N, C-alpha and C. Protein backbone atom coordinates (compact mmCIF):
# COMPACT_ATOMS: atom_id res chain seq x y z
N LEU A 1 9.31 14.55 1.41
CA LEU A 1 10.01 15.74 2.19
C LEU A 1 11.46 14.65 2.31
N THR A 2 12.67 14.99 2.33
CA THR A 2 13.64 14.31 2.27
C THR A 2 14.26 14.60 3.87
N ALA A 3 15.18 13.84 4.16
CA ALA A 3 15.74 13.97 5.60
C ALA A 3 16.18 15.08 5.80
N ASP A 4 16.97 15.95 4.99
CA ASP A 4 17.85 16.92 4.77
C ASP A 4 17.29 18.40 4.36
N LYS A 5 15.85 18.07 3.94
CA LYS A 5 15.13 19.34 4.04
C LYS A 5 13.96 19.85 4.52
N PHE A 6 13.77 19.37 5.73
CA PHE A 6 12.58 19.33 6.45
C PHE A 6 13.14 19.81 8.15
N ASP A 7 12.23 20.55 8.88
CA ASP A 7 12.74 20.68 10.02
C ASP A 7 12.65 19.95 11.28
N VAL A 8 13.98 19.65 11.53
CA VAL A 8 13.81 18.46 13.00
C VAL A 8 12.68 19.04 13.88
N GLU A 9 13.65 20.17 14.30
CA GLU A 9 12.86 20.58 15.49
C GLU A 9 11.35 20.57 15.37
N ARG A 10 10.76 20.91 14.54
CA ARG A 10 9.39 20.95 14.20
C ARG A 10 8.79 19.21 14.45
N LEU A 11 9.63 18.68 13.43
CA LEU A 11 9.17 17.43 13.76
C LEU A 11 9.19 16.67 15.17
N ILE A 12 10.34 17.12 15.79
CA ILE A 12 10.56 16.72 17.21
C ILE A 12 9.31 17.35 18.09
N LYS A 13 8.92 18.28 17.83
CA LYS A 13 7.99 19.02 18.80
C LYS A 13 6.21 18.69 18.22
N SER A 14 6.51 17.89 17.24
CA SER A 14 5.21 17.27 16.41
C SER A 14 4.93 16.02 16.84
N LEU A 15 5.91 15.43 17.35
CA LEU A 15 5.88 13.61 17.88
C LEU A 15 4.98 13.35 18.92
N PRO A 16 4.61 14.25 19.86
CA PRO A 16 3.64 13.65 20.85
C PRO A 16 2.01 13.89 20.53
N ASN A 17 2.26 14.49 19.06
CA ASN A 17 0.55 14.58 18.75
C ASN A 17 0.73 13.20 17.57
N ILE A 18 1.70 12.57 17.13
CA ILE A 18 1.39 11.51 16.33
C ILE A 18 1.05 10.43 16.50
N ASN A 19 0.02 9.84 15.85
CA ASN A 19 -0.79 8.54 16.29
C ASN A 19 -0.50 7.69 15.15
N VAL A 20 0.26 6.45 15.66
CA VAL A 20 0.44 5.34 14.41
C VAL A 20 -0.60 4.31 14.96
N SER A 21 -1.56 4.12 14.43
CA SER A 21 -1.99 2.57 14.46
C SER A 21 -2.00 1.68 13.30
N PHE A 22 -2.66 0.38 13.42
CA PHE A 22 -2.80 -0.72 12.66
C PHE A 22 -4.30 -1.15 12.50
N SER A 23 -4.63 -1.90 11.72
CA SER A 23 -6.01 -2.24 11.46
C SER A 23 -5.53 -3.46 10.48
N TYR A 24 -6.27 -4.30 10.73
CA TYR A 24 -6.42 -5.55 9.87
C TYR A 24 -7.69 -5.65 8.83
N ASN A 25 -7.51 -5.81 7.59
CA ASN A 25 -8.09 -5.39 6.46
C ASN A 25 -8.68 -6.53 5.93
N SER A 26 -10.00 -7.25 6.19
CA SER A 26 -10.28 -8.12 5.91
C SER A 26 -10.34 -8.82 4.44
N VAL A 27 -10.36 -7.50 3.61
CA VAL A 27 -10.77 -7.77 1.84
C VAL A 27 -9.22 -8.50 1.67
N THR A 28 -8.73 -7.38 1.83
CA THR A 28 -7.04 -7.83 1.51
C THR A 28 -6.20 -8.64 2.45
N ASN A 29 -6.78 -8.96 3.55
CA ASN A 29 -6.27 -10.20 4.21
C ASN A 29 -4.70 -9.50 4.85
N GLN A 30 -4.80 -8.22 4.98
CA GLN A 30 -3.74 -7.67 5.21
C GLN A 30 -3.79 -7.00 6.36
N SER A 31 -2.45 -6.52 7.39
CA SER A 31 -2.82 -5.41 8.07
C SER A 31 -2.14 -4.16 7.66
N GLU A 32 -2.92 -3.00 7.73
CA GLU A 32 -2.85 -1.71 7.54
C GLU A 32 -2.26 -0.93 8.29
N THR A 33 -1.23 0.27 7.59
CA THR A 33 -0.76 1.07 8.76
C THR A 33 -1.54 2.31 8.57
N TYR A 34 -1.90 2.96 9.81
CA TYR A 34 -2.66 4.43 9.92
C TYR A 34 -1.77 5.65 10.40
N LEU A 35 -1.70 6.83 9.80
CA LEU A 35 -1.13 7.91 10.78
C LEU A 35 -2.19 8.67 10.80
N GLY A 36 -2.82 8.69 12.31
CA GLY A 36 -4.20 9.29 12.45
C GLY A 36 -5.26 8.59 11.79
N ASN A 37 -6.23 9.35 11.13
CA ASN A 37 -7.32 8.50 10.29
C ASN A 37 -6.75 8.18 9.50
N GLU A 38 -5.92 8.15 8.44
CA GLU A 38 -5.15 8.11 7.27
C GLU A 38 -4.30 7.17 7.17
N ASN A 39 -5.04 5.82 6.19
CA ASN A 39 -4.60 4.92 5.70
C ASN A 39 -3.09 5.58 4.83
N ILE A 40 -1.92 5.01 5.11
CA ILE A 40 -0.80 5.16 4.51
C ILE A 40 0.24 3.93 4.41
N GLU A 41 -0.69 2.89 4.31
CA GLU A 41 -0.07 1.72 3.88
C GLU A 41 0.79 1.61 2.40
N GLN A 42 -0.06 2.25 1.61
CA GLN A 42 0.87 2.41 0.11
C GLN A 42 2.15 3.01 0.29
N GLU A 43 2.36 4.09 0.81
CA GLU A 43 2.92 5.41 0.82
C GLU A 43 4.35 5.12 1.53
N ILE A 44 4.08 4.36 2.55
CA ILE A 44 5.25 3.76 3.95
C ILE A 44 6.02 2.48 2.79
N ARG A 45 5.61 1.99 1.90
CA ARG A 45 6.14 1.05 0.93
C ARG A 45 6.49 1.50 -0.23
N GLY A 46 6.63 2.80 -0.76
CA GLY A 46 7.20 3.19 -1.60
C GLY A 46 8.45 3.36 -1.28
N ILE A 47 9.05 3.47 -2.61
CA ILE A 47 10.78 3.67 -2.54
C ILE A 47 10.98 5.40 -2.28
N GLU A 48 10.37 6.35 -2.23
CA GLU A 48 10.60 7.64 -1.90
C GLU A 48 10.53 7.27 -0.17
N VAL A 49 10.00 6.75 0.47
CA VAL A 49 9.89 6.40 1.91
C VAL A 49 10.80 6.10 2.33
N SER A 50 11.24 4.62 1.87
CA SER A 50 12.39 3.80 1.53
C SER A 50 13.53 4.40 1.97
N ASN A 51 13.69 5.68 0.81
CA ASN A 51 15.20 6.23 0.59
C ASN A 51 15.32 7.22 1.84
N GLN A 52 14.47 7.50 2.31
CA GLN A 52 14.47 8.52 3.56
C GLN A 52 14.61 7.75 4.99
N VAL A 53 13.62 6.55 4.98
CA VAL A 53 13.76 5.92 6.43
C VAL A 53 14.78 6.10 7.56
N SER A 54 16.05 5.42 6.70
CA SER A 54 17.37 5.33 7.74
C SER A 54 17.87 6.88 8.10
N LYS A 55 17.73 7.72 7.32
CA LYS A 55 17.86 8.88 7.85
C LYS A 55 17.57 9.54 8.87
N ILE A 56 15.87 9.44 9.14
CA ILE A 56 15.01 10.13 9.69
C ILE A 56 14.63 8.87 11.14
N ALA A 57 15.15 7.76 10.92
CA ALA A 57 15.41 7.10 12.35
C ALA A 57 16.31 7.32 12.88
N LYS A 58 17.70 8.19 12.18
CA LYS A 58 18.53 8.34 13.19
C LYS A 58 18.39 9.05 14.36
N ILE A 59 17.14 10.06 14.03
CA ILE A 59 16.90 11.14 15.07
C ILE A 59 16.05 10.35 15.99
N LYS A 60 17.03 10.47 17.53
CA LYS A 60 16.74 9.74 18.47
C LYS A 60 15.38 10.08 19.13
N GLU A 61 14.87 11.37 18.89
CA GLU A 61 13.54 11.58 19.11
C GLU A 61 12.34 10.49 18.76
N VAL A 62 12.78 10.52 17.20
CA VAL A 62 11.72 9.72 16.53
C VAL A 62 12.16 7.92 16.93
N ARG A 63 13.13 7.68 17.08
CA ARG A 63 13.41 6.48 17.35
C ARG A 63 12.95 6.24 18.60
N ALA A 64 12.97 6.88 19.76
CA ALA A 64 12.22 6.53 21.34
C ALA A 64 10.59 6.53 20.56
N LYS A 65 9.93 7.14 20.34
CA LYS A 65 8.63 7.65 19.86
C LYS A 65 8.08 6.25 19.23
N LEU A 66 8.82 5.85 18.44
CA LEU A 66 8.88 4.70 17.59
C LEU A 66 8.52 3.12 18.26
N VAL A 67 9.68 3.44 19.34
CA VAL A 67 10.10 2.18 20.30
C VAL A 67 8.74 2.45 21.28
N ASP A 68 8.50 3.46 21.70
CA ASP A 68 7.21 3.42 22.51
C ASP A 68 5.85 2.95 21.98
N ILE A 69 5.69 3.03 20.53
CA ILE A 69 4.44 2.84 19.92
C ILE A 69 4.71 1.26 19.80
N GLN A 70 5.98 0.68 19.33
CA GLN A 70 5.91 -0.80 19.12
C GLN A 70 5.83 -1.08 20.63
N ARG A 71 6.20 -1.22 21.65
CA ARG A 71 6.16 -1.40 23.05
C ARG A 71 4.97 -1.68 23.31
N GLU A 72 3.99 -0.52 22.98
CA GLU A 72 2.50 -0.56 23.34
C GLU A 72 1.70 -1.57 22.68
N LEU A 73 1.77 -1.56 21.71
CA LEU A 73 1.73 -2.96 20.40
C LEU A 73 1.82 -4.61 21.27
N GLY A 74 3.08 -4.60 21.75
CA GLY A 74 3.51 -5.96 22.27
C GLY A 74 3.03 -6.06 23.43
N LYS A 75 2.16 -5.41 24.24
CA LYS A 75 1.54 -5.48 25.45
C LYS A 75 0.24 -6.70 25.52
N GLN A 76 -0.04 -6.99 23.76
CA GLN A 76 -0.90 -8.21 23.66
C GLN A 76 0.06 -9.29 23.17
N LYS A 77 -0.19 -10.20 23.70
CA LYS A 77 0.68 -11.65 23.33
C LYS A 77 0.11 -11.82 22.14
N GLY A 78 0.92 -12.62 21.52
CA GLY A 78 0.93 -13.22 20.23
C GLY A 78 1.35 -12.19 19.12
N LEU A 79 2.00 -11.03 19.07
CA LEU A 79 2.22 -10.00 18.29
C LEU A 79 3.82 -10.69 17.82
N VAL A 80 3.18 -10.29 16.34
CA VAL A 80 4.51 -11.14 15.17
C VAL A 80 4.92 -9.69 14.74
N MET A 81 5.88 -9.25 15.00
CA MET A 81 6.75 -7.73 14.23
C MET A 81 7.91 -7.69 13.58
N ASP A 82 8.32 -7.49 12.53
CA ASP A 82 9.38 -7.09 12.10
C ASP A 82 10.12 -5.79 12.26
N GLY A 83 11.48 -5.73 11.77
CA GLY A 83 12.03 -4.46 11.86
C GLY A 83 13.50 -4.78 12.21
N ARG A 84 14.08 -3.28 12.05
CA ARG A 84 15.67 -3.63 12.04
C ARG A 84 16.05 -3.88 13.44
N ASP A 85 15.40 -3.22 14.33
CA ASP A 85 16.18 -3.55 15.67
C ASP A 85 15.06 -4.16 16.91
N ILE A 86 13.86 -4.67 16.31
CA ILE A 86 12.91 -5.40 17.09
C ILE A 86 13.38 -6.28 18.23
N GLY A 87 14.12 -7.09 17.97
CA GLY A 87 14.76 -8.17 18.56
C GLY A 87 16.02 -7.84 19.60
N THR A 88 16.72 -6.42 19.48
CA THR A 88 17.65 -6.27 20.16
C THR A 88 17.13 -4.75 20.95
N VAL A 89 16.29 -4.02 20.57
CA VAL A 89 15.92 -2.41 21.47
C VAL A 89 14.55 -2.89 21.80
N VAL A 90 13.51 -3.04 20.97
CA VAL A 90 12.25 -3.03 21.30
C VAL A 90 11.76 -3.95 21.88
N PHE A 91 12.08 -5.25 21.54
CA PHE A 91 11.64 -6.51 22.80
C PHE A 91 12.94 -7.48 22.83
N PRO A 92 13.90 -7.20 23.57
CA PRO A 92 14.83 -7.98 24.20
C PRO A 92 14.77 -8.78 24.41
N ASN A 93 13.53 -8.87 25.29
CA ASN A 93 13.27 -10.07 26.10
C ASN A 93 11.50 -11.03 25.26
N ALA A 94 12.18 -10.70 23.76
CA ALA A 94 10.68 -11.64 23.37
C ALA A 94 10.91 -13.02 23.54
N GLU A 95 9.87 -13.85 23.41
CA GLU A 95 9.81 -15.32 23.63
C GLU A 95 10.89 -16.04 22.11
N LEU A 96 10.38 -15.35 21.13
CA LEU A 96 10.93 -16.16 19.67
C LEU A 96 11.63 -14.71 19.35
N LYS A 97 12.82 -14.90 18.77
CA LYS A 97 13.30 -14.12 17.57
C LYS A 97 13.69 -14.94 16.46
N ILE A 98 13.47 -14.53 15.43
CA ILE A 98 13.93 -15.05 13.91
C ILE A 98 14.77 -13.59 13.12
N PHE A 99 15.90 -14.02 12.89
CA PHE A 99 16.45 -13.07 11.90
C PHE A 99 16.82 -13.69 10.68
N MET A 100 15.75 -13.04 9.77
CA MET A 100 15.77 -13.32 8.44
C MET A 100 16.69 -12.89 7.28
N THR A 101 17.62 -13.47 6.72
CA THR A 101 18.58 -12.40 5.90
C THR A 101 18.39 -13.47 4.17
N ALA A 102 18.97 -12.78 3.72
CA ALA A 102 18.74 -13.32 1.98
C ALA A 102 19.75 -12.47 1.17
N ALA A 103 20.26 -13.02 0.26
CA ALA A 103 21.12 -12.04 -0.86
C ALA A 103 20.46 -10.90 -1.07
N TYR A 104 21.56 -9.78 -1.33
CA TYR A 104 21.10 -8.44 -1.97
C TYR A 104 20.28 -8.61 -2.89
N LYS A 105 20.48 -8.93 -3.85
CA LYS A 105 19.97 -9.19 -4.95
C LYS A 105 18.40 -10.02 -5.22
N ILE A 106 18.45 -10.76 -4.36
CA ILE A 106 16.87 -11.43 -4.20
C ILE A 106 16.18 -10.57 -3.32
N ARG A 107 16.81 -10.10 -2.70
CA ARG A 107 15.90 -9.22 -1.48
C ARG A 107 15.53 -7.85 -2.42
N ALA A 108 16.57 -7.37 -3.20
CA ALA A 108 16.14 -6.32 -4.29
C ALA A 108 14.70 -6.96 -4.98
N LYS A 109 15.26 -8.07 -5.59
CA LYS A 109 14.15 -8.59 -6.68
C LYS A 109 12.51 -8.56 -5.92
N ARG A 110 12.56 -9.15 -4.86
CA ARG A 110 11.27 -9.41 -3.86
C ARG A 110 10.82 -7.99 -3.95
N ARG A 111 11.51 -6.99 -3.30
CA ARG A 111 10.91 -5.71 -3.46
C ARG A 111 10.55 -4.89 -4.51
N PHE A 112 11.55 -5.49 -5.19
CA PHE A 112 11.23 -4.55 -7.02
C PHE A 112 9.40 -5.38 -7.32
N ASP A 113 9.64 -6.93 -7.34
CA ASP A 113 8.50 -7.47 -7.91
C ASP A 113 7.20 -6.76 -6.77
N GLU A 114 7.15 -6.53 -5.17
CA GLU A 114 5.94 -6.04 -4.77
C GLU A 114 5.78 -4.83 -5.01
N LEU A 115 6.73 -4.06 -5.20
CA LEU A 115 6.68 -2.47 -5.67
C LEU A 115 5.48 -2.46 -7.00
N VAL A 116 6.32 -3.53 -7.78
CA VAL A 116 5.15 -3.49 -9.62
C VAL A 116 3.98 -4.01 -9.25
N SER A 117 3.87 -4.95 -8.34
CA SER A 117 2.73 -5.41 -8.03
C SER A 117 1.58 -4.75 -7.41
N LYS A 118 2.04 -3.36 -6.86
CA LYS A 118 1.30 -2.19 -6.44
C LYS A 118 1.30 -1.17 -7.13
N GLY A 119 1.65 -1.32 -8.16
CA GLY A 119 1.41 -0.14 -9.50
C GLY A 119 2.74 0.50 -9.93
N ASP A 120 3.62 0.33 -9.09
CA ASP A 120 4.66 1.45 -9.17
C ASP A 120 5.53 0.84 -10.56
N THR A 121 5.05 1.80 -11.41
CA THR A 121 5.92 1.46 -12.87
C THR A 121 7.26 2.34 -12.74
N THR A 122 7.69 3.12 -11.90
CA THR A 122 8.47 4.01 -12.31
C THR A 122 9.92 3.84 -11.63
N THR A 123 9.84 3.13 -10.36
CA THR A 123 11.02 2.59 -10.04
C THR A 123 11.86 1.47 -10.16
N THR A 124 13.04 1.51 -10.87
CA THR A 124 14.04 0.42 -11.50
C THR A 124 14.25 -0.54 -10.44
N PHE A 125 14.88 -1.33 -10.94
CA PHE A 125 15.46 -2.82 -10.01
C PHE A 125 16.80 -2.18 -9.07
N GLU A 126 17.56 -1.80 -10.25
CA GLU A 126 18.89 -0.70 -9.74
C GLU A 126 18.41 0.17 -8.48
N GLU A 127 17.34 0.98 -8.76
CA GLU A 127 17.25 1.89 -7.33
C GLU A 127 16.59 0.99 -6.43
N VAL A 128 15.82 -0.21 -6.61
CA VAL A 128 15.92 -0.97 -5.30
C VAL A 128 16.90 -1.39 -4.37
N LEU A 129 18.07 -2.14 -5.53
CA LEU A 129 19.08 -2.53 -4.79
C LEU A 129 20.08 -1.47 -4.52
N GLN A 130 19.91 -0.64 -4.85
CA GLN A 130 20.78 0.61 -4.35
C GLN A 130 20.39 1.10 -3.02
N ASN A 131 18.90 1.14 -3.17
CA ASN A 131 18.16 1.30 -1.62
C ASN A 131 18.41 0.12 -0.44
N ILE A 132 18.63 -0.63 -0.83
CA ILE A 132 18.92 -1.97 0.20
C ILE A 132 20.02 -1.70 0.52
N ASN A 133 21.32 -1.35 -0.56
CA ASN A 133 22.78 -1.72 0.17
C ASN A 133 22.75 -0.35 1.25
N SER A 134 22.37 0.74 0.34
CA SER A 134 22.20 2.04 1.24
C SER A 134 21.97 1.84 2.68
N ARG A 135 20.67 1.36 2.74
CA ARG A 135 19.75 1.23 4.22
C ARG A 135 20.33 0.34 4.94
N ASP A 136 20.68 -0.68 4.39
CA ASP A 136 21.62 -1.74 5.07
C ASP A 136 23.17 -1.16 5.81
N ASN A 137 23.57 -0.21 5.01
CA ASN A 137 24.92 0.25 5.57
C ASN A 137 24.60 1.22 6.53
N ASP A 138 23.23 2.21 6.26
CA ASP A 138 23.09 3.01 7.09
C ASP A 138 22.85 2.71 8.33
N ASP A 139 21.94 1.32 8.54
CA ASP A 139 21.63 0.89 9.82
C ASP A 139 22.82 0.19 10.44
N THR A 140 23.59 -0.55 9.83
CA THR A 140 24.27 -1.58 10.18
C THR A 140 25.28 -0.62 10.88
N SER A 141 25.76 0.52 10.35
CA SER A 141 26.86 1.54 10.84
C SER A 141 26.38 2.49 11.76
N ARG A 142 24.91 2.83 11.95
CA ARG A 142 24.88 4.01 13.13
C ARG A 142 24.89 3.74 14.40
N THR A 143 25.15 4.86 15.14
CA THR A 143 25.78 4.37 16.44
C THR A 143 24.80 3.98 17.44
N GLU A 144 23.53 4.46 17.64
CA GLU A 144 22.37 4.33 18.26
C GLU A 144 21.52 3.42 17.43
N HIS A 145 21.49 1.79 18.52
CA HIS A 145 20.72 0.98 18.05
C HIS A 145 21.19 0.18 16.60
N PRO A 146 22.42 -0.17 16.19
CA PRO A 146 22.65 -0.30 14.87
C PRO A 146 21.78 -1.73 14.43
N LEU A 147 21.68 -2.04 13.34
CA LEU A 147 20.71 -3.54 12.95
C LEU A 147 21.71 -4.24 13.49
N ILE A 148 22.01 -5.29 14.12
CA ILE A 148 22.71 -6.28 14.42
C ILE A 148 21.41 -7.58 14.98
N LYS A 149 22.24 -8.86 14.61
CA LYS A 149 21.62 -9.86 14.97
C LYS A 149 21.57 -10.25 16.81
N ALA A 150 20.07 -10.27 16.95
CA ALA A 150 19.97 -10.68 18.90
C ALA A 150 20.68 -11.84 18.67
N ASN A 151 21.67 -12.07 19.78
CA ASN A 151 22.47 -13.13 20.27
C ASN A 151 21.79 -14.65 20.71
N ASP A 152 20.38 -14.25 20.66
CA ASP A 152 19.31 -15.36 20.74
C ASP A 152 19.02 -15.41 20.08
N ALA A 153 18.89 -15.14 18.85
CA ALA A 153 17.90 -15.14 17.54
C ALA A 153 18.23 -15.63 16.86
N ILE A 154 17.38 -17.14 16.13
CA ILE A 154 17.47 -17.82 15.06
C ILE A 154 17.78 -17.21 13.79
N GLU A 155 19.06 -17.58 13.34
CA GLU A 155 18.96 -17.03 11.86
C GLU A 155 18.24 -17.88 11.15
N ILE A 156 17.92 -17.23 9.91
CA ILE A 156 17.23 -18.19 8.73
C ILE A 156 17.79 -17.24 7.32
N ASP A 157 18.14 -17.98 6.70
CA ASP A 157 18.69 -17.20 5.06
C ASP A 157 17.70 -17.95 4.35
N ASN A 158 16.43 -16.97 4.17
CA ASN A 158 15.51 -17.52 3.15
C ASN A 158 15.79 -16.83 1.64
N SER A 159 16.98 -17.02 1.28
CA SER A 159 17.38 -17.03 -0.29
C SER A 159 16.73 -17.49 -1.17
N ALA A 160 16.90 -18.87 -0.68
CA ALA A 160 16.68 -20.19 -1.62
C ALA A 160 14.91 -20.56 -1.28
N ILE A 161 14.20 -19.92 -0.52
CA ILE A 161 13.10 -20.40 0.15
C ILE A 161 11.98 -19.80 -0.46
N SER A 162 10.72 -20.62 -0.36
CA SER A 162 9.59 -19.53 -0.70
C SER A 162 8.91 -19.03 0.32
N GLN A 163 7.88 -18.08 0.28
CA GLN A 163 7.30 -17.46 1.46
C GLN A 163 6.51 -18.68 2.54
N MET A 164 6.07 -19.76 1.59
CA MET A 164 5.47 -20.48 2.34
C MET A 164 6.04 -21.32 3.00
N GLU A 165 7.50 -21.57 2.52
CA GLU A 165 8.45 -22.27 3.43
C GLU A 165 8.90 -21.61 4.41
N GLN A 166 8.77 -20.65 4.72
CA GLN A 166 9.73 -19.38 5.51
C GLN A 166 8.25 -19.24 6.78
N LEU A 167 7.28 -19.31 6.20
CA LEU A 167 6.09 -19.41 7.10
C LEU A 167 6.13 -20.69 7.81
N LYS A 168 6.18 -21.85 7.33
CA LYS A 168 6.20 -23.04 8.36
C LYS A 168 7.47 -23.02 8.73
N ILE A 169 8.73 -22.43 8.56
CA ILE A 169 9.69 -22.53 9.33
C ILE A 169 9.47 -21.91 10.65
N ALA A 170 8.93 -20.52 10.60
CA ALA A 170 8.31 -19.52 11.86
C ALA A 170 7.29 -20.24 12.52
N LEU A 171 6.54 -21.04 12.05
CA LEU A 171 5.49 -21.39 12.60
C LEU A 171 5.51 -22.47 13.34
N ASP A 172 6.69 -23.49 12.94
CA ASP A 172 7.06 -24.59 13.73
C ASP A 172 7.63 -23.95 14.86
N LEU A 173 8.84 -23.27 14.77
CA LEU A 173 9.56 -22.55 15.64
C LEU A 173 8.70 -22.23 17.11
N ALA A 174 7.51 -21.36 16.42
CA ALA A 174 6.82 -20.85 17.50
C ALA A 174 5.92 -22.03 18.04
N LYS A 175 5.62 -22.95 17.52
CA LYS A 175 4.84 -24.17 18.29
C LYS A 175 5.98 -25.03 18.91
N SER A 176 7.05 -24.87 18.80
CA SER A 176 8.13 -25.46 19.52
C SER A 176 8.22 -24.77 20.41
N LYS A 177 8.49 -23.21 20.76
CA LYS A 177 8.66 -22.30 21.60
C LYS A 177 7.46 -22.74 22.67
N LEU A 178 6.27 -22.75 21.92
CA LEU A 178 4.99 -22.61 23.06
C LEU A 178 5.39 -24.12 23.55
N ALA A 179 5.44 -24.94 23.00
CA ALA A 179 5.46 -26.30 23.85
C ALA A 179 6.16 -26.47 25.03
N ASN A 180 7.41 -26.06 24.49
CA ASN A 180 8.61 -26.10 25.96
C ASN A 180 7.79 -24.92 26.92
N GLN A 181 7.29 -24.36 26.94
CA GLN A 181 6.96 -23.15 27.99
C GLN A 181 6.06 -23.67 29.16
């Protein structure tokens, strides 16, 4: 479904019945996302969903539901979460906020490689690049909860560093924050 081809009122009415949860998969060593009892991890990472997510996220009631779910998860300490308004809206008082950035083409290459590694043979690099540019534009220009860096976030441009280097930087920042508490 596309954001302009579904019944918004019906979606809003169904929000109280939507149950999103996460479960750790010890085989893949990854967290997986569930909608009800259905594992939707692959679907939410696909280009079709990515092309629609900003449009659907503009619906105020959808944002409110997602923020509620995220804040419920945050009641447990030690949570690491990524998202476009996590540090400004969902957890404005988080102990540590890291704002990761990278050049568009590098982000697109990483996303494209991820899709290919998961078996997507139809999405082109150009589609991924367009998707990232479009989402960034939509998310930074929306009136409610736009994508912005939190004032107290530490910005890291990860264009030229590996995932392991990013992890080391994040862990060092977390350890430093814990040591100072």
